[in-house]
Amino acid sequence: MKKRRAALGISQMDLAELVDVSPGYIGEIEMGRKFPGAEVIERIAQELHVRPYRLFMAERDLAEAAESASIEAFYSAAGEFKDRINRELDALVEARVPGRSRESPEPETPKALDEESEPPEKTRRGKK
């Protein structure tokens, strides 16, 4: 809380005035000697432009949260990229073979040309 307040250039006195508590109470909260009620936590968070839970996170926790957010952002961007590529591939397939998408099944091979079908039985001339 103290680092966020300082980063915003807000003094303890100014924050106390904004959230309607004494400057000493803000100091006690920052030193961990006092724990404010839910209403005061919400007002402090609002004035510091953070979510209330972030007021109680240690620096290490904040760093881990930032790293986690970066990983989530990476996977989100990767998913968006995959979706875009799939749309572009669908458009290319449609342009080359109208009425066909990548998901539509391959046209069936005629039985006579199918490798799995057996060739017609051949008979020798004059012999059965």
C-alpha atoms as a PDB file:
ATOM      1  CA  MET A   1       0.000   0.000   0.000  1.00  0.00           C
ATOM      2  CA  LYS A   2       2.790   2.392   0.915  1.00  0.00           C
ATOM      3  CA  LYS A   3       4.636   1.870  -2.392  1.00  0.00           C
ATOM      4  CA  ARG A   4       1.466   2.411  -4.413  1.00  0.00           C
ATOM      5  CA  ARG A   5       0.639   5.564  -2.456  1.00  0.00           C
ATOM      6  CA  ALA A   6       4.177   6.879  -2.943  1.00  0.00           C
ATOM      7  CA  ALA A   7       4.144   5.967  -6.645  1.00  0.00           C
ATOM      8  CA  LEU A   8       1.028   8.103  -7.054  1.00  0.00           C
ATOM      9  CA  GLY A   9       2.640  10.958  -5.117  1.00  0.00           C
ATOM     10  CA  ILE A  10       0.022  10.879  -2.378  1.00  0.00           C
ATOM     11  CA  SER A  11       1.081  11.617   1.206  1.00  0.00           C
ATOM     12  CA  GLN A  12      -0.327   9.772   4.202  1.00  0.00           C
ATOM     13  CA  MET A  13      -2.119  12.972   5.158  1.00  0.00           C
ATOM     14  CA  ASP A  14      -3.699  13.338   1.699  1.00  0.00           C
ATOM     15  CA  LEU A  15      -4.786   9.683   1.599  1.00  0.00           C
ATOM     16  CA  ALA A  16      -6.214   9.953   5.105  1.00  0.00           C
ATOM     17  CA  GLU A  17      -8.236  12.982   4.059  1.00  0.00           C
ATOM     18  CA  LEU A  18      -9.484  11.253   0.900  1.00  0.00           C
ATOM     19  CA  VAL A  19     -10.692   8.160   2.788  1.00  0.00           C
ATOM     20  CA  ASP A  20     -11.847  10.055   5.891  1.00  0.00           C
ATOM     21  CA  VAL A  21      -9.494   8.552   8.494  1.00  0.00           C
ATOM     22  CA  SER A  22      -6.614  10.011  10.513  1.00  0.00           C
ATOM     23  CA  PRO A  23      -3.091  10.202   9.029  1.00  0.00           C
ATOM     24  CA  GLY A  24      -1.862   8.172  12.010  1.00  0.00           C
ATOM     25  CA  TYR A  25      -4.293   5.398  11.126  1.00  0.00           C
ATOM     26  CA  ILE A  26      -2.902   5.255   7.577  1.00  0.00           C
ATOM     27  CA  GLY A  27       0.614   4.966   9.055  1.00  0.00           C
ATOM     28  CA  GLU A  28      -0.502   2.180  11.397  1.00  0.00           C
ATOM     29  CA  ILE A  29      -2.064   0.298   8.487  1.00  0.00           C
ATOM     30  CA  GLU A  30       1.115   0.652   6.399  1.00  0.00           C
ATOM     31  CA  MET A  31       3.249  -0.655   9.284  1.00  0.00           C
ATOM     32  CA  GLY A  32       0.920  -3.604   9.793  1.00  0.00           C
ATOM     33  CA  ARG A  33      -0.151  -2.548  13.275  1.00  0.00           C
ATOM     34  CA  LYS A  34      -3.777  -1.977  12.345  1.00  0.00           C
ATOM     35  CA  PHE A  35      -6.121  -3.734   9.968  1.00  0.00           C
ATOM     36  CA  PRO A  36      -8.906  -1.591   8.512  1.00  0.00           C
ATOM     37  CA  GLY A  37     -12.495  -2.671   8.019  1.00  0.00           C
ATOM     38  CA  ALA A  38     -13.927  -3.567   4.621  1.00  0.00           C
ATOM     39  CA  GLU A  39     -15.307  -0.061   3.963  1.00  0.00           C
ATOM     40  CA  VAL A  40     -11.961   1.626   4.634  1.00  0.00           C
ATOM     41  CA  ILE A  41     -10.122  -0.966   2.528  1.00  0.00           C
ATOM     42  CA  GLU A  42     -12.485  -0.274  -0.371  1.00  0.00           C
ATOM     43  CA  ARG A  43     -12.046   3.507  -0.060  1.00  0.00           C
ATOM     44  CA  ILE A  44      -8.245   3.204   0.108  1.00  0.00           C
ATOM     45  CA  ALA A  45      -8.206   0.879  -2.917  1.00  0.00           C
ATOM     46  CA  GLN A  46     -10.423   3.273  -4.842  1.00  0.00           C
ATOM     47  CA  GLU A  47      -8.145   6.242  -4.109  1.00  0.00           C
ATOM     48  CA  LEU A  48      -5.024   4.230  -4.998  1.00  0.00           C
ATOM     49  CA  HIS A  49      -6.680   2.870  -8.182  1.00  0.00           C
ATOM     50  CA  VAL A  50      -6.133  -0.791  -7.318  1.00  0.00           C
ATOM     51  CA  ARG A  51      -8.320  -3.730  -6.402  1.00  0.00           C
ATOM     52  CA  PRO A  52      -8.625  -4.142  -2.631  1.00  0.00           C
ATOM     53  CA  TYR A  53      -6.780  -7.494  -2.441  1.00  0.00           C
ATOM     54  CA  ARG A  54      -3.664  -5.910  -3.986  1.00  0.00           C
ATOM     55  CA  LEU A  55      -3.250  -3.685  -0.937  1.00  0.00           C
ATOM     56  CA  PHE A  56      -2.213  -6.727   1.077  1.00  0.00           C
ATOM     57  CA  MET A  57       0.109  -8.449  -1.364  1.00  0.00           C
ATOM     58  CA  ALA A  58       3.844  -8.565  -0.661  1.00  0.00           C
ATOM     59  CA  GLU A  59       6.243  -7.399  -3.375  1.00  0.00           C
ATOM     60  CA  ARG A  60       7.095 -11.018  -4.211  1.00  0.00           C
ATOM     61  CA  ASP A  61       3.408 -11.806  -4.606  1.00  0.00           C
ATOM     62  CA  LEU A  62       2.911  -8.780  -6.845  1.00  0.00           C
ATOM     63  CA  ALA A  63       5.849  -9.873  -9.024  1.00  0.00           C
ATOM     64  CA  GLU A  64       4.418 -13.398  -9.312  1.00  0.00           C
ATOM     65  CA  ALA A  65       1.007 -11.977 -10.182  1.00  0.00           C
ATOM     66  CA  ALA A  66       2.565  -9.810 -12.897  1.00  0.00           C
ATOM     67  CA  GLU A  67       4.433 -12.835 -14.298  1.00  0.00           C
ATOM     68  CA  SER A  68       1.260 -14.895 -14.219  1.00  0.00           C
ATOM     69  CA  ALA A  69      -0.602 -12.121 -16.027  1.00  0.00           C
ATOM     70  CA  SER A  70       2.161 -12.099 -18.660  1.00  0.00           C
ATOM     71  CA  ILE A  71       1.804 -15.839 -19.173  1.00  0.00           C
ATOM     72  CA  GLU A  72      -1.974 -15.525 -19.427  1.00  0.00           C
ATOM     73  CA  ALA A  73      -1.558 -12.685 -21.930  1.00  0.00           C
ATOM     74  CA  PHE A  74       0.821 -14.859 -23.974  1.00  0.00           C
ATOM     75  CA  TYR A  75      -1.636 -17.768 -24.145  1.00  0.00           C
ATOM     76  CA  SER A  76      -4.485 -15.403 -24.932  1.00  0.00           C
ATOM     77  CA  ALA A  77      -2.486 -13.864 -27.792  1.00  0.00           C
ATOM     78  CA  ALA A  78      -1.507 -17.335 -29.031  1.00  0.00           C
ATOM     79  CA  GLY A  79      -5.161 -18.383 -29.058  1.00  0.00           C
ATOM     80  CA  GLU A  80      -6.143 -15.264 -30.982  1.00  0.00           C
ATOM     81  CA  PHE A  81      -3.318 -15.918 -33.467  1.00  0.00           C
ATOM     82  CA  LYS A  82      -4.480 -19.527 -33.941  1.00  0.00           C
ATOM     83  CA  ASP A  83      -8.041 -18.370 -34.568  1.00  0.00           C
ATOM     84  CA  ARG A  84      -6.860 -15.806 -37.124  1.00  0.00           C
ATOM     85  CA  ILE A  85      -4.734 -18.387 -38.947  1.00  0.00           C
ATOM     86  CA  ASN A  86      -7.691 -20.808 -39.036  1.00  0.00           C
ATOM     87  CA  ARG A  87      -9.942 -18.118 -40.529  1.00  0.00           C
ATOM     88  CA  GLU A  88      -7.307 -17.305 -43.164  1.00  0.00           C
ATOM     89  CA  LEU A  89      -6.855 -20.995 -44.016  1.00  0.00           C
ATOM     90  CA  ASP A  90     -10.619 -21.416 -44.362  1.00  0.00           C
ATOM     91  CA  ALA A  91     -10.714 -18.432 -46.714  1.00  0.00           C
ATOM     92  CA  LEU A  92      -7.863 -19.882 -48.816  1.00  0.00           C
ATOM     93  CA  VAL A  93      -9.529 -23.295 -49.068  1.00  0.00           C
ATOM     94  CA  GLU A  94     -12.841 -21.681 -49.996  1.00  0.00           C
ATOM     95  CA  ALA A  95     -11.095 -19.586 -52.677  1.00  0.00           C
ATOM     96  CA  ARG A  96      -9.456 -22.657 -54.254  1.00  0.00           C
ATOM     97  CA  VAL A  97     -12.401 -25.046 -53.938  1.00  0.00           C
ATOM     98  CA  PRO A  98     -15.677 -23.131 -53.641  1.00  0.00           C
ATOM     99  CA  GLY A  99     -18.193 -24.748 -51.301  1.00  0.00           C
ATOM    100  CA  ARG A 100     -15.495 -26.690 -49.442  1.00  0.00           C
ATOM    101  CA  SER A 101     -13.955 -25.950 -46.078  1.00  0.00           C
ATOM    102  CA  ARG A 102     -11.036 -27.526 -44.275  1.00  0.00           C
ATOM    103  CA  GLU A 103     -13.514 -29.377 -42.064  1.00  0.00           C
ATOM    104  CA  SER A 104     -15.549 -30.905 -44.921  1.00  0.00           C
ATOM    105  CA  PRO A 105     -14.647 -34.516 -45.741  1.00  0.00           C
ATOM    106  CA  GLU A 106     -12.498 -35.459 -48.703  1.00  0.00           C
ATOM    107  CA  PRO A 107     -14.469 -36.510 -51.768  1.00  0.00           C
ATOM    108  CA  GLU A 108     -14.773 -40.286 -51.974  1.00  0.00           C
ATOM    109  CA  THR A 109     -12.590 -42.112 -54.463  1.00  0.00           C
ATOM    110  CA  PRO A 110     -14.582 -44.157 -57.005  1.00  0.00           C
ATOM    111  CA  LYS A 111     -14.552 -47.865 -56.129  1.00  0.00           C
ATOM    112  CA  ALA A 112     -12.891 -48.901 -59.413  1.00  0.00           C
ATOM    113  CA  LEU A 113      -9.892 -46.686 -58.616  1.00  0.00           C
ATOM    114  CA  ASP A 114      -9.765 -47.435 -54.938  1.00  0.00           C
ATOM    115  CA  GLU A 115      -6.580 -49.298 -53.972  1.00  0.00           C
ATOM    116  CA  GLU A 116      -8.469 -51.523 -51.549  1.00  0.00           C
ATOM    117  CA  SER A 117     -10.854 -52.931 -54.157  1.00  0.00           C
ATOM    118  CA  GLU A 118      -9.868 -56.178 -55.799  1.00  0.00           C
ATOM    119  CA  PRO A 119      -9.187 -56.255 -59.552  1.00  0.00           C
ATOM    120  CA  PRO A 120     -11.722 -58.114 -61.708  1.00  0.00           C
ATOM    121  CA  GLU A 121     -11.010 -61.810 -62.124  1.00  0.00           C
ATOM    122  CA  LYS A 122      -9.004 -62.584 -65.265  1.00  0.00           C
ATOM    123  CA  THR A 123      -9.581 -65.747 -67.232  1.00  0.00           C
ATOM    124  CA  ARG A 124      -7.099 -67.382 -69.544  1.00  0.00           C
ATOM    125  CA  ARG A 125      -8.094 -67.805 -73.166  1.00  0.00           C
ATOM    126  CA  GLY A 126      -9.589 -71.133 -73.792  1.00  0.00           C
ATOM    127  CA  LYS A 127      -9.143 -72.384 -70.202  1.00  0.00           C
ATOM    128  CA  LYS A 128     -11.535 -72.043 -67.341  1.00  0.00           C
END
